[in-house]
Amino acid sequence: MFDDAELWDTHRRRGVCMDPGELGLMQTRNGIWLRALDHAG
């Protein structure tokens, strides 16, 4: 699950799912992927 639609779109490149961790995203304890800057604040 992603924090917003933009993150979902970002992780899908040319119709292929990318590893969210390789895109610089952080996962919360609840399994939601978000931007590292959002997680730090």
PDB file of N, CA and C in Angstrom:
ATOM      1  N   MET A   1       0.850  -1.163   0.000  1.00  0.00           N
ATOM      2  CA  MET A   1       0.000   0.000   0.000  1.00  0.00           C
ATOM      3  C   MET A   1       0.902   1.234   0.000  1.00  0.00           C
ATOM      4  N   PHE A   2       0.484   2.239  -0.734  1.00  0.00           N
ATOM      5  CA  PHE A   2       1.271   3.464  -0.851  1.00  0.00           C
ATOM      6  C   PHE A   2       0.520   4.639  -0.235  1.00  0.00           C
ATOM      7  N   ASP A   3       1.277   5.616   0.259  1.00  0.00           N
ATOM      8  CA  ASP A   3       0.722   6.770   0.952  1.00  0.00           C
ATOM      9  C   ASP A   3      -0.171   7.622   0.050  1.00  0.00           C
ATOM     10  N   ASP A   4       0.149   7.701  -1.248  1.00  0.00           N
ATOM     11  CA  ASP A   4      -0.675   8.478  -2.171  1.00  0.00           C
ATOM     12  C   ASP A   4      -0.538   7.935  -3.597  1.00  0.00           C
ATOM     13  N   ALA A   5      -1.380   8.431  -4.473  1.00  0.00           N
ATOM     14  CA  ALA A   5      -1.417   7.938  -5.856  1.00  0.00           C
ATOM     15  C   ALA A   5      -0.110   8.213  -6.593  1.00  0.00           C
ATOM     16  N   GLU A   6       0.553   9.317  -6.290  1.00  0.00           N
ATOM     17  CA  GLU A   6       1.819   9.644  -6.953  1.00  0.00           C
ATOM     18  C   GLU A   6       2.882   8.579  -6.657  1.00  0.00           C
ATOM     19  N   LEU A   7       2.934   8.097  -5.424  1.00  0.00           N
ATOM     20  CA  LEU A   7       3.903   7.051  -5.091  1.00  0.00           C
ATOM     21  C   LEU A   7       3.578   5.759  -5.834  1.00  0.00           C
ATOM     22  N   TRP A   8       2.299   5.444  -5.949  1.00  0.00           N
ATOM     23  CA  TRP A   8       1.888   4.257  -6.715  1.00  0.00           C
ATOM     24  C   TRP A   8       2.377   4.384  -8.155  1.00  0.00           C
ATOM     25  N   ASP A   9       2.122   5.540  -8.770  1.00  0.00           N
ATOM     26  CA  ASP A   9       2.538   5.765 -10.153  1.00  0.00           C
ATOM     27  C   ASP A   9       4.052   5.703 -10.286  1.00  0.00           C
ATOM     28  N   THR A  10       4.779   6.249  -9.307  1.00  0.00           N
ATOM     29  CA  THR A  10       6.240   6.264  -9.340  1.00  0.00           C
ATOM     30  C   THR A  10       6.807   4.855  -9.303  1.00  0.00           C
ATOM     31  N   HIS A  11       6.199   3.977  -8.548  1.00  0.00           N
ATOM     32  CA  HIS A  11       6.753   2.625  -8.417  1.00  0.00           C
ATOM     33  C   HIS A  11       6.433   1.752  -9.634  1.00  0.00           C
ATOM     34  N   ARG A  12       5.556   2.209 -10.530  1.00  0.00           N
ATOM     35  CA  ARG A  12       5.208   1.468 -11.743  1.00  0.00           C
ATOM     36  C   ARG A  12       5.887   2.132 -12.933  1.00  0.00           C
ATOM     37  N   ARG A  13       6.958   1.568 -13.401  1.00  0.00           N
ATOM     38  CA  ARG A  13       7.666   2.117 -14.556  1.00  0.00           C
ATOM     39  C   ARG A  13       7.462   1.199 -15.750  1.00  0.00           C
ATOM     40  N   ARG A  14       6.891   1.778 -16.788  1.00  0.00           N
ATOM     41  CA  ARG A  14       6.600   1.018 -18.015  1.00  0.00           C
ATOM     42  C   ARG A  14       5.760  -0.222 -17.712  1.00  0.00           C
ATOM     43  N   GLY A  15       4.859  -0.122 -16.738  1.00  0.00           N
ATOM     44  CA  GLY A  15       3.969  -1.222 -16.401  1.00  0.00           C
ATOM     45  C   GLY A  15       4.576  -2.300 -15.532  1.00  0.00           C
ATOM     46  N   VAL A  16       5.774  -2.059 -15.014  1.00  0.00           N
ATOM     47  CA  VAL A  16       6.466  -3.040 -14.174  1.00  0.00           C
ATOM     48  C   VAL A  16       6.648  -2.460 -12.775  1.00  0.00           C
ATOM     49  N   CYS A  17       6.332  -3.256 -11.760  1.00  0.00           N
ATOM     50  CA  CYS A  17       6.513  -2.810 -10.378  1.00  0.00           C
ATOM     51  C   CYS A  17       7.991  -2.764 -10.020  1.00  0.00           C
ATOM     52  N   MET A  18       8.403  -1.633  -9.453  1.00  0.00           N
ATOM     53  CA  MET A  18       9.770  -1.458  -8.972  1.00  0.00           C
ATOM     54  C   MET A  18       9.783  -1.704  -7.463  1.00  0.00           C
ATOM     55  N   ASP A  19      10.946  -2.040  -6.918  1.00  0.00           N
ATOM     56  CA  ASP A  19      11.096  -2.229  -5.480  1.00  0.00           C
ATOM     57  C   ASP A  19      11.009  -0.859  -4.799  1.00  0.00           C
ATOM     58  N   PRO A  20      10.013  -0.633  -3.939  1.00  0.00           N
ATOM     59  CA  PRO A  20       9.871   0.672  -3.289  1.00  0.00           C
ATOM     60  C   PRO A  20      11.112   1.086  -2.503  1.00  0.00           C
ATOM     61  N   GLY A  21      11.805   0.135  -1.883  1.00  0.00           N
ATOM     62  CA  GLY A  21      13.022   0.455  -1.137  1.00  0.00           C
ATOM     63  C   GLY A  21      14.108   1.016  -2.033  1.00  0.00           C
ATOM     64  N   GLU A  22      14.192   0.519  -3.256  1.00  0.00           N
ATOM     65  CA  GLU A  22      15.186   1.023  -4.202  1.00  0.00           C
ATOM     66  C   GLU A  22      14.823   2.413  -4.717  1.00  0.00           C
ATOM     67  N   LEU A  23      13.574   2.806  -4.562  1.00  0.00           N
ATOM     68  CA  LEU A  23      13.123   4.129  -4.977  1.00  0.00           C
ATOM     69  C   LEU A  23      13.254   5.158  -3.855  1.00  0.00           C
ATOM     70  N   GLY A  24      13.822   4.747  -2.736  1.00  0.00           N
ATOM     71  CA  GLY A  24      14.030   5.657  -1.615  1.00  0.00           C
ATOM     72  C   GLY A  24      12.811   5.798  -0.713  1.00  0.00           C
ATOM     73  N   LEU A  25      11.860   4.870  -0.817  1.00  0.00           N
ATOM     74  CA  LEU A  25      10.669   4.922   0.027  1.00  0.00           C
ATOM     75  C   LEU A  25      10.905   4.128   1.303  1.00  0.00           C
ATOM     76  N   MET A  26      10.204   4.519   2.354  1.00  0.00           N
ATOM     77  CA  MET A  26      10.298   3.849   3.647  1.00  0.00           C
ATOM     78  C   MET A  26       8.949   3.212   3.935  1.00  0.00           C
ATOM     79  N   GLN A  27       8.968   2.055   4.625  1.00  0.00           N
ATOM     80  CA  GLN A  27       7.731   1.374   4.967  1.00  0.00           C
ATOM     81  C   GLN A  27       7.429   1.551   6.452  1.00  0.00           C
ATOM     82  N   THR A  28       6.187   1.907   6.764  1.00  0.00           N
ATOM     83  CA  THR A  28       5.777   2.057   8.154  1.00  0.00           C
ATOM     84  C   THR A  28       5.508   0.682   8.763  1.00  0.00           C
ATOM     85  N   ARG A  29       5.286   0.641  10.046  1.00  0.00           N
ATOM     86  CA  ARG A  29       4.966  -0.628  10.723  1.00  0.00           C
ATOM     87  C   ARG A  29       3.667  -1.231  10.189  1.00  0.00           C
ATOM     88  N   ASN A  30       2.801  -0.383   9.658  1.00  0.00           N
ATOM     89  CA  ASN A  30       1.527  -0.848   9.112  1.00  0.00           C
ATOM     90  C   ASN A  30       1.642  -1.302   7.665  1.00  0.00           C
ATOM     91  N   GLY A  31       2.850  -1.224   7.087  1.00  0.00           N
ATOM     92  CA  GLY A  31       3.062  -1.682   5.729  1.00  0.00           C
ATOM     93  C   GLY A  31       2.792  -0.655   4.653  1.00  0.00           C
ATOM     94  N   ILE A  32       2.660   0.617   5.029  1.00  0.00           N
ATOM     95  CA  ILE A  32       2.398   1.674   4.066  1.00  0.00           C
ATOM     96  C   ILE A  32       3.717   2.288   3.626  1.00  0.00           C
ATOM     97  N   TRP A  33       3.927   2.353   2.320  1.00  0.00           N
ATOM     98  CA  TRP A  33       5.133   2.957   1.771  1.00  0.00           C
ATOM     99  C   TRP A  33       4.945   4.460   1.651  1.00  0.00           C
ATOM    100  N   LEU A  34       5.943   5.220   2.118  1.00  0.00           N
ATOM    101  CA  LEU A  34       5.901   6.678   1.974  1.00  0.00           C
ATOM    102  C   LEU A  34       7.289   7.214   1.741  1.00  0.00           C
ATOM    103  N   ARG A  35       7.344   8.484   1.377  1.00  0.00           N
ATOM    104  CA  ARG A  35       8.635   9.139   1.112  1.00  0.00           C
ATOM    105  C   ARG A  35       9.418   9.217   2.418  1.00  0.00           C
ATOM    106  N   ALA A  36      10.725   9.043   2.316  1.00  0.00           N
ATOM    107  CA  ALA A  36      11.584   9.068   3.510  1.00  0.00           C
ATOM    108  C   ALA A  36      11.444  10.411   4.245  1.00  0.00           C
ATOM    109  N   LEU A  37      11.317  11.515   3.519  1.00  0.00           N
ATOM    110  CA  LEU A  37      11.174  12.827   4.156  1.00  0.00           C
ATOM    111  C   LEU A  37       9.864  12.916   4.927  1.00  0.00           C
ATOM    112  N   ASP A  38       8.783  12.333   4.399  1.00  0.00           N
ATOM    113  CA  ASP A  38       7.505  12.321   5.096  1.00  0.00           C
ATOM    114  C   ASP A  38       7.607  11.502   6.380  1.00  0.00           C
ATOM    115  N   HIS A  39       8.345  10.413   6.326  1.00  0.00           N
ATOM    116  CA  HIS A  39       8.500   9.522   7.481  1.00  0.00           C
ATOM    117  C   HIS A  39       9.322  10.183   8.581  1.00  0.00           C
ATOM    118  N   ALA A  40      10.315  11.012   8.193  1.00  0.00           N
ATOM    119  CA  ALA A  40      11.191  11.668   9.171  1.00  0.00           C
ATOM    120  C   ALA A  40      10.463  12.762   9.950  1.00  0.00           C
ATOM    121  N   GLY A  41       9.437  13.369   9.329  1.00  0.00           N
ATOM    122  CA  GLY A  41       8.738  14.503   9.954  1.00  0.00           C
ATOM    123  C   GLY A  41       7.720  14.056  10.890  1.00  0.00           C
TER     124      GLY A  41
END
